[in-house]
PDB file of N, CA and C in Angstrom:
ATOM      1  N   UNK A   1       0.826  -1.204   0.000  1.00  0.00           N
ATOM      2  CA  UNK A   1      -0.022   0.009  -0.013  1.00  0.00           C
ATOM      3  C   UNK A   1       0.866   1.228  -0.015  1.00  0.00           C
ATOM      4  N   UNK A   2       1.906   1.206   0.784  1.00  0.00           N
ATOM      5  CA  UNK A   2       2.861   2.366   0.853  1.00  0.00           C
ATOM      6  C   UNK A   2       3.500   2.610  -0.511  1.00  0.00           C
ATOM      7  N   UNK A   3       3.902   1.545  -1.227  1.00  0.00           N
ATOM      8  CA  UNK A   3       4.459   1.663  -2.584  1.00  0.00           C
ATOM      9  C   UNK A   3       3.517   2.367  -3.534  1.00  0.00           C
ATOM     10  N   UNK A   4       2.226   1.919  -3.513  1.00  0.00           N
ATOM     11  CA  UNK A   4       1.248   2.419  -4.415  1.00  0.00           C
ATOM     12  C   UNK A   4       1.068   3.944  -4.162  1.00  0.00           C
ATOM     13  N   UNK A   5       0.947   4.298  -2.834  1.00  0.00           N
ATOM     14  CA  UNK A   5       0.782   5.717  -2.515  1.00  0.00           C
ATOM     15  C   UNK A   5       2.036   6.537  -2.919  1.00  0.00           C
ATOM     16  N   UNK A   6       3.222   5.988  -2.733  1.00  0.00           N
ATOM     17  CA  UNK A   6       4.400   6.711  -3.074  1.00  0.00           C
ATOM     18  C   UNK A   6       4.520   6.869  -4.618  1.00  0.00           C
ATOM     19  N   UNK A   7       4.117   5.819  -5.388  1.00  0.00           N
ATOM     20  CA  UNK A   7       4.175   5.930  -6.824  1.00  0.00           C
ATOM     21  C   UNK A   7       3.149   7.006  -7.340  1.00  0.00           C
ATOM     22  N   UNK A   8       1.978   6.999  -6.713  1.00  0.00           N
ATOM     23  CA  UNK A   8       0.991   7.977  -7.115  1.00  0.00           C
ATOM     24  C   UNK A   8       1.468   9.402  -6.846  1.00  0.00           C
ATOM     25  N   UNK A   9       2.178   9.599  -5.685  1.00  0.00           N
ATOM     26  CA  UNK A   9       2.735  10.853  -5.335  1.00  0.00           C
ATOM     27  C   UNK A   9       3.776  11.293  -6.380  1.00  0.00           C
ATOM     28  N   UNK A  10       4.669  10.369  -6.731  1.00  0.00           N
ATOM     29  CA  UNK A  10       5.695  10.729  -7.642  1.00  0.00           C
ATOM     30  C   UNK A  10       5.131  11.094  -9.042  1.00  0.00           C
ATOM     31  N   UNK A  11       4.069  10.337  -9.493  1.00  0.00           N
ATOM     32  CA  UNK A  11       3.507  10.608 -10.787  1.00  0.00           C
ATOM     33  C   UNK A  11       2.830  12.024 -10.745  1.00  0.00           C
ATOM     34  N   UNK A  12       2.112  12.347  -9.637  1.00  0.00           N
ATOM     35  CA  UNK A  12       1.442  13.622  -9.515  1.00  0.00           C
ATOM     36  C   UNK A  12       2.449  14.715  -9.442  1.00  0.00           C
ATOM     37  N   UNK A  13       3.564  14.530  -8.807  1.00  0.00           N
ATOM     38  CA  UNK A  13       4.571  15.573  -8.696  1.00  0.00           C
ATOM     39  C   UNK A  13       5.247  15.728 -10.063  1.00  0.00           C
ATOM     40  N   UNK A  14       5.576  14.746 -10.790  1.00  0.00           N
ATOM     41  CA  UNK A  14       6.165  14.851 -12.117  1.00  0.00           C
ATOM     42  C   UNK A  14       5.255  15.576 -13.063  1.00  0.00           C
ATOM     43  N   UNK A  15       3.904  15.210 -13.003  1.00  0.00           N
ATOM     44  CA  UNK A  15       2.915  15.859 -13.907  1.00  0.00           C
ATOM     45  C   UNK A  15       2.839  17.342 -13.591  1.00  0.00           C
ATOM     46  N   UNK A  16       2.764  17.683 -12.303  1.00  0.00           N
ATOM     47  CA  UNK A  16       2.568  19.125 -11.994  1.00  0.00           C
ATOM     48  C   UNK A  16       3.868  19.905 -12.340  1.00  0.00           C
ATOM     49  N   UNK A  17       5.051  19.262 -12.231  1.00  0.00           N
ATOM     50  CA  UNK A  17       6.328  19.881 -12.641  1.00  0.00           C
ATOM     51  C   UNK A  17       6.352  20.152 -14.159  1.00  0.00           C
ATOM     52  N   UNK A  18       5.941  19.176 -14.881  1.00  0.00           N
ATOM     53  CA  UNK A  18       5.963  19.364 -16.345  1.00  0.00           C
ATOM     54  C   UNK A  18       4.911  20.396 -16.771  1.00  0.00           C
ATOM     55  N   UNK A  19       3.789  20.466 -16.111  1.00  0.00           N
ATOM     56  CA  UNK A  19       2.763  21.471 -16.445  1.00  0.00           C
ATOM     57  C   UNK A  19       3.251  22.862 -16.164  1.00  0.00           C
ATOM     58  N   UNK A  20       3.907  23.075 -15.018  1.00  0.00           N
ATOM     59  CA  UNK A  20       4.429  24.381 -14.691  1.00  0.00           C
ATOM     60  C   UNK A  20       5.577  24.758 -15.673  1.00  0.00           C
ATOM     61  N   UNK A  21       6.284  23.744 -16.143  1.00  0.00           N
ATOM     62  CA  UNK A  21       7.382  23.992 -17.105  1.00  0.00           C
ATOM     63  C   UNK A  21       6.784  24.460 -18.477  1.00  0.00           C
ATOM     64  N   UNK A  22       5.607  23.918 -18.855  1.00  0.00           N
ATOM     65  CA  UNK A  22       5.033  24.332 -20.054  1.00  0.00           C
ATOM     66  C   UNK A  22       4.455  25.743 -20.053  1.00  0.00           C
ATOM     67  N   UNK A  23       4.149  26.168 -18.849  1.00  0.00           N
ATOM     68  CA  UNK A  23       3.638  27.547 -18.736  1.00  0.00           C
ATOM     69  C   UNK A  23       4.764  28.547 -18.645  1.00  0.00           C
ATOM     70  N   UNK A  24       5.967  28.092 -18.604  1.00  0.00           N
ATOM     71  CA  UNK A  24       7.152  28.954 -18.509  1.00  0.00           C
ATOM     72  C   UNK A  24       7.626  29.171 -19.900  1.00  0.00           C
ATOM     73  N   UNK A  25       8.900  28.891 -20.168  1.00  0.00           N
ATOM     74  CA  UNK A  25       9.547  29.205 -21.408  1.00  0.00           C
ATOM     75  C   UNK A  25       9.625  28.041 -22.385  1.00  0.00           C
ATOM     76  N   UNK A  26       9.107  26.854 -22.055  1.00  0.00           N
ATOM     77  CA  UNK A  26       9.221  25.753 -22.895  1.00  0.00           C
ATOM     78  C   UNK A  26       8.536  25.923 -24.273  1.00  0.00           C
ATOM     79  N   UNK A  27       7.430  26.624 -24.270  1.00  0.00           N
ATOM     80  CA  UNK A  27       6.642  26.848 -25.528  1.00  0.00           C
ATOM     81  C   UNK A  27       7.022  28.132 -26.240  1.00  0.00           C
ATOM     82  N   UNK A  28       8.006  28.793 -25.770  1.00  0.00           N
ATOM     83  CA  UNK A  28       8.416  30.011 -26.513  1.00  0.00           C
ATOM     84  C   UNK A  28       9.105  29.595 -27.866  1.00  0.00           C
ATOM     85  N   UNK A  29       8.555  30.122 -28.925  1.00  0.00           N
ATOM     86  CA  UNK A  29       8.984  29.649 -30.264  1.00  0.00           C
ATOM     87  C   UNK A  29      10.287  30.391 -30.593  1.00  0.00           C
ATOM     88  N   UNK A  30      11.299  29.634 -31.083  1.00  0.00           N
ATOM     89  CA  UNK A  30      12.435  30.330 -31.631  1.00  0.00           C
ATOM     90  C   UNK A  30      12.102  31.188 -32.842  1.00  0.00           C
ATOM     91  N   UNK A  31      12.663  32.331 -32.964  1.00  0.00           N
ATOM     92  CA  UNK A  31      12.276  33.305 -33.978  1.00  0.00           C
ATOM     93  C   UNK A  31      13.512  33.498 -34.948  1.00  0.00           C
ATOM     94  N   UNK A  32      13.315  33.494 -36.223  1.00  0.00           N
ATOM     95  CA  UNK A  32      14.360  33.687 -37.179  1.00  0.00           C
ATOM     96  C   UNK A  32      14.378  35.134 -37.734  1.00  0.00           C
ATOM     97  N   UNK A  33      13.399  35.867 -37.521  1.00  0.00           N
ATOM     98  CA  UNK A  33      13.277  37.256 -37.918  1.00  0.00           C
ATOM     99  C   UNK A  33      11.954  37.887 -37.401  1.00  0.00           C
ATOM    100  N   UNK A  34      11.969  39.189 -37.277  1.00  0.00           N
ATOM    101  CA  UNK A  34      10.772  39.820 -36.666  1.00  0.00           C
ATOM    102  C   UNK A  34      10.684  41.292 -37.261  1.00  0.00           C
ATOM    103  N   UNK A  35       9.460  41.693 -37.573  1.00  0.00           N
ATOM    104  CA  UNK A  35       9.218  43.099 -38.068  1.00  0.00           C
ATOM    105  C   UNK A  35       7.971  43.494 -37.370  1.00  0.00           C
ATOM    106  N   UNK A  36       7.980  44.743 -36.886  1.00  0.00           N
ATOM    107  CA  UNK A  36       6.825  45.375 -36.231  1.00  0.00           C
ATOM    108  C   UNK A  36       6.167  46.400 -37.194  1.00  0.00           C
ATOM    109  N   UNK A  37       4.823  46.338 -37.294  1.00  0.00           N
ATOM    110  CA  UNK A  37       4.111  47.406 -37.970  1.00  0.00           C
ATOM    111  C   UNK A  37       3.116  47.995 -36.945  1.00  0.00           C
ATOM    112  N   UNK A  38       2.299  48.928 -37.350  1.00  0.00           N
ATOM    113  CA  UNK A  38       1.452  49.576 -36.460  1.00  0.00           C
ATOM    114  C   UNK A  38       0.361  48.702 -35.915  1.00  0.00           C
ATOM    115  N   UNK A  39      -0.015  47.692 -36.658  1.00  0.00           N
ATOM    116  CA  UNK A  39      -1.161  46.807 -36.240  1.00  0.00           C
ATOM    117  C   UNK A  39      -0.801  45.309 -36.149  1.00  0.00           C
ATOM    118  N   UNK A  40       0.474  44.971 -36.444  1.00  0.00           N
ATOM    119  CA  UNK A  40       0.770  43.544 -36.428  1.00  0.00           C
ATOM    120  C   UNK A  40       2.327  43.323 -36.152  1.00  0.00           C
ATOM    121  N   UNK A  41       2.596  42.087 -35.937  1.00  0.00           N
ATOM    122  CA  UNK A  41       3.981  41.620 -35.852  1.00  0.00           C
ATOM    123  C   UNK A  41       4.166  40.617 -36.957  1.00  0.00           C
ATOM    124  N   UNK A  42       5.231  40.752 -37.713  1.00  0.00           N
ATOM    125  CA  UNK A  42       5.481  39.758 -38.782  1.00  0.00           C
ATOM    126  C   UNK A  42       6.684  38.983 -38.250  1.00  0.00           C
ATOM    127  N   UNK A  43       6.423  37.565 -38.179  1.00  0.00           N
ATOM    128  CA  UNK A  43       7.458  36.719 -37.634  1.00  0.00           C
ATOM    129  C   UNK A  43       8.013  35.758 -38.636  1.00  0.00           C
ATOM    130  N   UNK A  44       9.249  35.481 -38.649  1.00  0.00           N
ATOM    131  CA  UNK A  44       9.902  34.434 -39.482  1.00  0.00           C
ATOM    132  C   UNK A  44      10.114  33.305 -38.497  1.00  0.00           C
ATOM    133  N   UNK A  45       9.286  32.229 -38.760  1.00  0.00           N
ATOM    134  CA  UNK A  45       9.399  31.094 -37.779  1.00  0.00           C
ATOM    135  C   UNK A  45       9.535  29.787 -38.661  1.00  0.00           C
ATOM    136  N   UNK A  46       9.853  28.734 -37.936  1.00  0.00           N
ATOM    137  CA  UNK A  46      10.032  27.388 -38.476  1.00  0.00           C
ATOM    138  C   UNK A  46       8.649  26.746 -38.628  1.00  0.00           C
ATOM    139  N   UNK A  47       8.461  26.002 -39.721  1.00  0.00           N
ATOM    140  CA  UNK A  47       7.173  25.286 -39.998  1.00  0.00           C
ATOM    141  C   UNK A  47       7.485  23.964 -40.613  1.00  0.00           C
ATOM    142  N   UNK A  48       6.625  22.991 -40.403  1.00  0.00           N
ATOM    143  CA  UNK A  48       6.662  21.646 -41.107  1.00  0.00           C
ATOM    144  C   UNK A  48       5.520  21.674 -42.153  1.00  0.00           C
ATOM    145  N   UNK A  49       4.869  22.729 -42.372  1.00  0.00           N
ATOM    146  CA  UNK A  49       3.822  22.857 -43.350  1.00  0.00           C
ATOM    147  C   UNK A  49       2.380  23.130 -42.791  1.00  0.00           C
ATOM    148  N   UNK A  50       2.169  22.927 -41.525  1.00  0.00           N
ATOM    149  CA  UNK A  50       0.848  23.139 -40.924  1.00  0.00           C
ATOM    150  C   UNK A  50       0.812  24.276 -39.956  1.00  0.00           C
ATOM    151  N   UNK A  51       1.791  25.097 -39.909  1.00  0.00           N
ATOM    152  CA  UNK A  51       1.804  26.233 -38.989  1.00  0.00           C
ATOM    153  C   UNK A  51       1.020  27.412 -39.606  1.00  0.00           C
ATOM    154  N   UNK A  52       0.197  28.024 -38.821  1.00  0.00           N
ATOM    155  CA  UNK A  52      -0.551  29.205 -39.218  1.00  0.00           C
ATOM    156  C   UNK A  52      -0.435  30.319 -38.162  1.00  0.00           C
ATOM    157  N   UNK A  53      -0.955  31.464 -38.420  1.00  0.00           N
ATOM    158  CA  UNK A  53      -0.937  32.486 -37.426  1.00  0.00           C
ATOM    159  C   UNK A  53      -1.707  32.118 -36.134  1.00  0.00           C
ATOM    160  N   UNK A  54      -2.720  31.276 -36.318  1.00  0.00           N
ATOM    161  CA  UNK A  54      -3.503  30.781 -35.164  1.00  0.00           C
ATOM    162  C   UNK A  54      -2.710  29.767 -34.345  1.00  0.00           C
ATOM    163  N   UNK A  55      -1.543  29.378 -34.715  1.00  0.00           N
ATOM    164  CA  UNK A  55      -0.733  28.466 -33.948  1.00  0.00           C
ATOM    165  C   UNK A  55       0.022  29.208 -32.816  1.00  0.00           C
ATOM    166  N   UNK A  56      -0.072  30.540 -32.808  1.00  0.00           N
ATOM    167  CA  UNK A  56       0.724  31.388 -31.897  1.00  0.00           C
ATOM    168  C   UNK A  56      -0.172  32.284 -31.116  1.00  0.00           C
ATOM    169  N   UNK A  57       0.352  32.681 -29.998  1.00  0.00           N
ATOM    170  CA  UNK A  57      -0.268  33.731 -29.174  1.00  0.00           C
ATOM    171  C   UNK A  57       0.895  34.645 -28.716  1.00  0.00           C
ATOM    172  N   UNK A  58       0.567  35.978 -28.767  1.00  0.00           N
ATOM    173  CA  UNK A  58       1.526  36.921 -28.330  1.00  0.00           C
ATOM    174  C   UNK A  58       1.115  37.417 -26.916  1.00  0.00           C
ATOM    175  N   UNK A  59       1.999  37.232 -26.021  1.00  0.00           N
ATOM    176  CA  UNK A  59       1.761  37.666 -24.595  1.00  0.00           C
ATOM    177  C   UNK A  59       2.632  38.891 -24.309  1.00  0.00           C
ATOM    178  N   UNK A  60       2.049  39.886 -23.720  1.00  0.00           N
ATOM    179  CA  UNK A  60       2.750  41.096 -23.366  1.00  0.00           C
ATOM    180  C   UNK A  60       2.686  41.252 -21.852  1.00  0.00           C
ATOM    181  N   UNK A  61       3.807  41.602 -21.303  1.00  0.00           N
ATOM    182  CA  UNK A  61       4.025  41.941 -19.873  1.00  0.00           C
ATOM    183  C   UNK A  61       4.804  43.251 -19.800  1.00  0.00           C
ATOM    184  N   UNK A  62       4.072  44.325 -19.723  1.00  0.00           N
ATOM    185  CA  UNK A  62       4.752  45.695 -19.790  1.00  0.00           C
ATOM    186  C   UNK A  62       5.392  45.854 -21.112  1.00  0.00           C
ATOM    187  N   UNK A  63       6.736  46.054 -21.116  1.00  0.00           N
ATOM    188  CA  UNK A  63       7.527  46.253 -22.350  1.00  0.00           C
ATOM    189  C   UNK A  63       8.159  45.014 -22.911  1.00  0.00           C
ATOM    190  N   UNK A  64       7.700  43.858 -22.496  1.00  0.00           N
ATOM    191  CA  UNK A  64       8.281  42.554 -22.897  1.00  0.00           C
ATOM    192  C   UNK A  64       7.163  41.741 -23.570  1.00  0.00           C
ATOM    193  N   UNK A  65       7.503  41.215 -24.731  1.00  0.00           N
ATOM    194  CA  UNK A  65       6.517  40.289 -25.374  1.00  0.00           C
ATOM    195  C   UNK A  65       7.103  38.950 -25.550  1.00  0.00           C
ATOM    196  N   UNK A  66       6.253  37.965 -25.596  1.00  0.00           N
ATOM    197  CA  UNK A  66       6.658  36.563 -25.801  1.00  0.00           C
ATOM    198  C   UNK A  66       5.736  35.936 -26.869  1.00  0.00           C
ATOM    199  N   UNK A  67       6.317  35.275 -27.807  1.00  0.00           N
ATOM    200  CA  UNK A  67       5.565  34.554 -28.839  1.00  0.00           C
ATOM    201  C   UNK A  67       5.549  33.085 -28.419  1.00  0.00           C
ATOM    202  N   UNK A  68       4.311  32.592 -28.113  1.00  0.00           N
ATOM    203  CA  UNK A  68       4.103  31.250 -27.574  1.00  0.00           C
ATOM    204  C   UNK A  68       3.348  30.389 -28.612  1.00  0.00           C
ATOM    205  N   UNK A  69       3.880  29.237 -28.859  1.00  0.00           N
ATOM    206  CA  UNK A  69       3.187  28.290 -29.713  1.00  0.00           C
ATOM    207  C   UNK A  69       2.110  27.649 -28.939  1.00  0.00           C
ATOM    208  N   UNK A  70       0.816  27.723 -29.373  1.00  0.00           N
ATOM    209  CA  UNK A  70      -0.268  27.142 -28.681  1.00  0.00           C
ATOM    210  C   UNK A  70      -0.845  25.909 -29.402  1.00  0.00           C
ATOM    211  N   UNK A  71      -0.473  25.709 -30.696  1.00  0.00           N
ATOM    212  CA  UNK A  71      -0.814  24.545 -31.474  1.00  0.00           C
ATOM    213  C   UNK A  71       0.384  24.020 -32.145  1.00  0.00           C
ATOM    214  N   UNK A  72       0.557  22.703 -32.051  1.00  0.00           N
ATOM    215  CA  UNK A  72       1.696  22.047 -32.594  1.00  0.00           C
ATOM    216  C   UNK A  72       1.605  21.956 -34.099  1.00  0.00           C
ATOM    217  N   UNK A  73       2.683  21.786 -34.822  1.00  0.00           N
ATOM    218  CA  UNK A  73       2.765  21.562 -36.228  1.00  0.00           C
ATOM    219  C   UNK A  73       3.131  20.086 -36.440  1.00  0.00           C
ATOM    220  N   UNK A  74       2.158  19.287 -36.741  1.00  0.00           N
ATOM    221  CA  UNK A  74       2.349  17.839 -36.819  1.00  0.00           C
ATOM    222  C   UNK A  74       2.520  17.248 -38.277  1.00  0.00           C
ATOM    223  N   UNK A  75       2.663  18.255 -39.204  1.00  0.00           N
ATOM    224  CA  UNK A  75       2.999  17.776 -40.606  1.00  0.00           C
ATOM    225  C   UNK A  75       4.296  17.110 -40.580  1.00  0.00           C
ATOM    226  N   UNK A  76       4.491  16.309 -41.653  1.00  0.00           N
ATOM    227  CA  UNK A  76       5.771  15.562 -41.686  1.00  0.00           C
ATOM    228  C   UNK A  76       6.720  16.023 -42.680  1.00  0.00           C
ATOM    229  N   UNK A  77       6.550  17.159 -43.209  1.00  0.00           N
ATOM    230  CA  UNK A  77       7.378  17.776 -44.190  1.00  0.00           C
ATOM    231  C   UNK A  77       8.633  18.214 -43.545  1.00  0.00           C
ATOM    232  N   UNK A  78       9.702  18.429 -44.311  1.00  0.00           N
ATOM    233  CA  UNK A  78      10.985  18.943 -43.767  1.00  0.00           C
ATOM    234  C   UNK A  78      10.761  20.433 -43.374  1.00  0.00           C
ATOM    235  N   UNK A  79      11.407  20.775 -42.276  1.00  0.00           N
ATOM    236  CA  UNK A  79      11.211  22.160 -41.666  1.00  0.00           C
ATOM    237  C   UNK A  79      11.754  23.161 -42.673  1.00  0.00           C
ATOM    238  N   UNK A  80      11.065  24.321 -42.717  1.00  0.00           N
ATOM    239  CA  UNK A  80      11.428  25.452 -43.533  1.00  0.00           C
ATOM    240  C   UNK A  80      11.023  26.705 -42.712  1.00  0.00           C
ATOM    241  N   UNK A  81      11.551  27.912 -43.018  1.00  0.00           N
ATOM    242  CA  UNK A  81      11.094  29.083 -42.354  1.00  0.00           C
ATOM    243  C   UNK A  81      10.149  29.812 -43.182  1.00  0.00           C
ATOM    244  N   UNK A  82       9.135  30.497 -42.595  1.00  0.00           N
ATOM    245  CA  UNK A  82       8.083  31.208 -43.304  1.00  0.00           C
ATOM    246  C   UNK A  82       7.654  32.420 -42.478  1.00  0.00           C
ATOM    247  N   UNK A  83       7.160  33.416 -43.217  1.00  0.00           N
ATOM    248  CA  UNK A  83       6.649  34.658 -42.514  1.00  0.00           C
ATOM    249  C   UNK A  83       5.215  34.469 -42.111  1.00  0.00           C
ATOM    250  N   UNK A  84       4.834  34.884 -40.977  1.00  0.00           N
ATOM    251  CA  UNK A  84       3.457  34.926 -40.521  1.00  0.00           C
ATOM    252  C   UNK A  84       3.064  36.291 -39.969  1.00  0.00           C
ATOM    253  N   UNK A  85       1.957  36.837 -40.205  1.00  0.00           N
ATOM    254  CA  UNK A  85       1.474  38.060 -39.604  1.00  0.00           C
ATOM    255  C   UNK A  85       0.522  37.779 -38.504  1.00  0.00           C
ATOM    256  N   UNK A  86       0.876  38.328 -37.329  1.00  0.00           N
ATOM    257  CA  UNK A  86      -0.020  38.202 -36.178  1.00  0.00           C
ATOM    258  C   UNK A  86      -0.504  39.550 -35.714  1.00  0.00           C
ATOM    259  N   UNK A  87      -1.831  39.743 -35.515  1.00  0.00           N
ATOM    260  CA  UNK A  87      -2.267  41.084 -35.091  1.00  0.00           C
ATOM    261  C   UNK A  87      -1.731  41.389 -33.756  1.00  0.00           C
ATOM    262  N   UNK A  88      -1.262  42.646 -33.636  1.00  0.00           N
ATOM    263  CA  UNK A  88      -0.663  43.139 -32.388  1.00  0.00           C
ATOM    264  C   UNK A  88      -0.571  44.672 -32.376  1.00  0.00           C
ATOM    265  N   UNK A  89      -1.210  45.281 -31.468  1.00  0.00           N
ATOM    266  CA  UNK A  89      -1.152  46.761 -31.354  1.00  0.00           C
ATOM    267  C   UNK A  89      -0.271  47.107 -30.186  1.00  0.00           C
ATOM    268  N   UNK A  90       0.940  47.473 -30.468  1.00  0.00           N
ATOM    269  CA  UNK A  90       1.901  47.854 -29.428  1.00  0.00           C
ATOM    270  C   UNK A  90       1.782  49.228 -29.059  1.00  0.00           C
ATOM    271  N   UNK A  91       2.060  49.558 -27.792  1.00  0.00           N
ATOM    272  CA  UNK A  91       2.074  50.948 -27.276  1.00  0.00           C
ATOM    273  C   UNK A  91       3.402  51.526 -27.759  1.00  0.00           C
ATOM    274  N   UNK A  92       3.432  52.827 -27.953  1.00  0.00           N
ATOM    275  CA  UNK A  92       4.724  53.407 -28.377  1.00  0.00           C
ATOM    276  C   UNK A  92       5.825  53.193 -27.325  1.00  0.00           C
ATOM    277  N   UNK A  93       7.003  53.067 -27.798  1.00  0.00           N
ATOM    278  CA  UNK A  93       8.140  52.888 -26.878  1.00  0.00           C
ATOM    279  C   UNK A  93       8.882  51.628 -27.180  1.00  0.00           C
ATOM    280  N   UNK A  94       9.963  51.364 -26.509  1.00  0.00           N
ATOM    281  CA  UNK A  94      10.776  50.165 -26.729  1.00  0.00           C
ATOM    282  C   UNK A  94      10.144  48.878 -26.292  1.00  0.00           C
ATOM    283  N   UNK A  95      10.353  47.825 -26.966  1.00  0.00           N
ATOM    284  CA  UNK A  95       9.841  46.481 -26.600  1.00  0.00           C
ATOM    285  C   UNK A  95      10.981  45.520 -26.588  1.00  0.00           C
ATOM    286  N   UNK A  96      11.006  44.546 -25.643  1.00  0.00           N
ATOM    287  CA  UNK A  96      11.996  43.538 -25.733  1.00  0.00           C
ATOM    288  C   UNK A  96      11.211  42.218 -25.981  1.00  0.00           C
ATOM    289  N   UNK A  97      11.876  41.301 -26.664  1.00  0.00           N
ATOM    290  CA  UNK A  97      11.253  40.008 -26.993  1.00  0.00           C
ATOM    291  C   UNK A  97      11.987  38.917 -26.268  1.00  0.00           C
ATOM    292  N   UNK A  98      11.171  38.089 -25.539  1.00  0.00           N
ATOM    293  CA  UNK A  98      11.681  37.117 -24.670  1.00  0.00           C
ATOM    294  C   UNK A  98      12.148  35.794 -25.379  1.00  0.00           C
ATOM    295  N   UNK A  99      11.743  35.642 -26.621  1.00  0.00           N
ATOM    296  CA  UNK A  99      12.041  34.416 -27.382  1.00  0.00           C
ATOM    297  C   UNK A  99      13.513  34.457 -27.795  1.00  0.00           C
ATOM    298  N   UNK A 100      14.002  33.217 -28.038  1.00  0.00           N
ATOM    299  CA  UNK A 100      15.334  33.040 -28.616  1.00  0.00           C
ATOM    300  C   UNK A 100      15.376  33.337 -30.069  1.00  0.00           C
ATOM    301  N   UNK A 101      16.409  34.044 -30.508  1.00  0.00           N
ATOM    302  CA  UNK A 101      16.542  34.302 -31.997  1.00  0.00           C
ATOM    303  C   UNK A 101      17.589  33.333 -32.570  1.00  0.00           C
ATOM    304  N   UNK A 102      17.256  32.770 -33.670  1.00  0.00           N
ATOM    305  CA  UNK A 102      18.159  31.792 -34.363  1.00  0.00           C
ATOM    306  C   UNK A 102      18.424  32.330 -35.796  1.00  0.00           C
ATOM    307  N   UNK A 103      19.500  31.729 -36.341  1.00  0.00           N
ATOM    308  CA  UNK A 103      19.747  32.061 -37.813  1.00  0.00           C
ATOM    309  C   UNK A 103      19.199  30.982 -38.722  1.00  0.00           C
ATOM    310  N   UNK A 104      18.991  31.268 -39.931  1.00  0.00           N
ATOM    311  CA  UNK A 104      18.461  30.240 -40.894  1.00  0.00           C
ATOM    312  C   UNK A 104      19.326  29.020 -40.984  1.00  0.00           C
ATOM    313  N   UNK A 105      20.630  29.190 -40.820  1.00  0.00           N
ATOM    314  CA  UNK A 105      21.579  28.066 -41.004  1.00  0.00           C
ATOM    315  C   UNK A 105      21.342  26.992 -39.970  1.00  0.00           C
ATOM    316  N   UNK A 106      20.766  27.355 -38.819  1.00  0.00           N
ATOM    317  CA  UNK A 106      20.510  26.365 -37.774  1.00  0.00           C
ATOM    318  C   UNK A 106      19.489  25.345 -38.236  1.00  0.00           C
ATOM    319  N   UNK A 107      18.632  25.662 -39.162  1.00  0.00           N
ATOM    320  CA  UNK A 107      17.624  24.656 -39.699  1.00  0.00           C
ATOM    321  C   UNK A 107      18.296  23.600 -40.582  1.00  0.00           C
ATOM    322  N   UNK A 108      19.356  23.929 -41.230  1.00  0.00           N
ATOM    323  CA  UNK A 108      20.001  23.058 -42.221  1.00  0.00           C
ATOM    324  C   UNK A 108      20.796  21.936 -41.633  1.00  0.00           C
ATOM    325  N   UNK A 109      20.928  21.854 -40.295  1.00  0.00           N
ATOM    326  CA  UNK A 109      21.742  20.791 -39.657  1.00  0.00           C
ATOM    327  C   UNK A 109      20.965  19.502 -39.531  1.00  0.00           C
TER     328      UNK A 109
END
């Protein structure tokens, strides 16, 4: 009985740890390029063929934004980079981006 209780505790702990990790930086999408306009953000991101603008969410905390992937790309095509426009109305002033920036050459490995 003790073993079963301990195993259930370990599984619950591991599950809660992975859930909190997903709410952190695990789903931040690597960005290959970014452009800001008055009403949107244009992102150069990696896709396997099924990524759309609806696959992402932009989260803003004061002057910091994060681009979070909310839907996976489960197509089986070779990865490529593509531009996507996401609606975003930024307040005037400097913004920092929390996501990691990568070069195109990192996809070719």
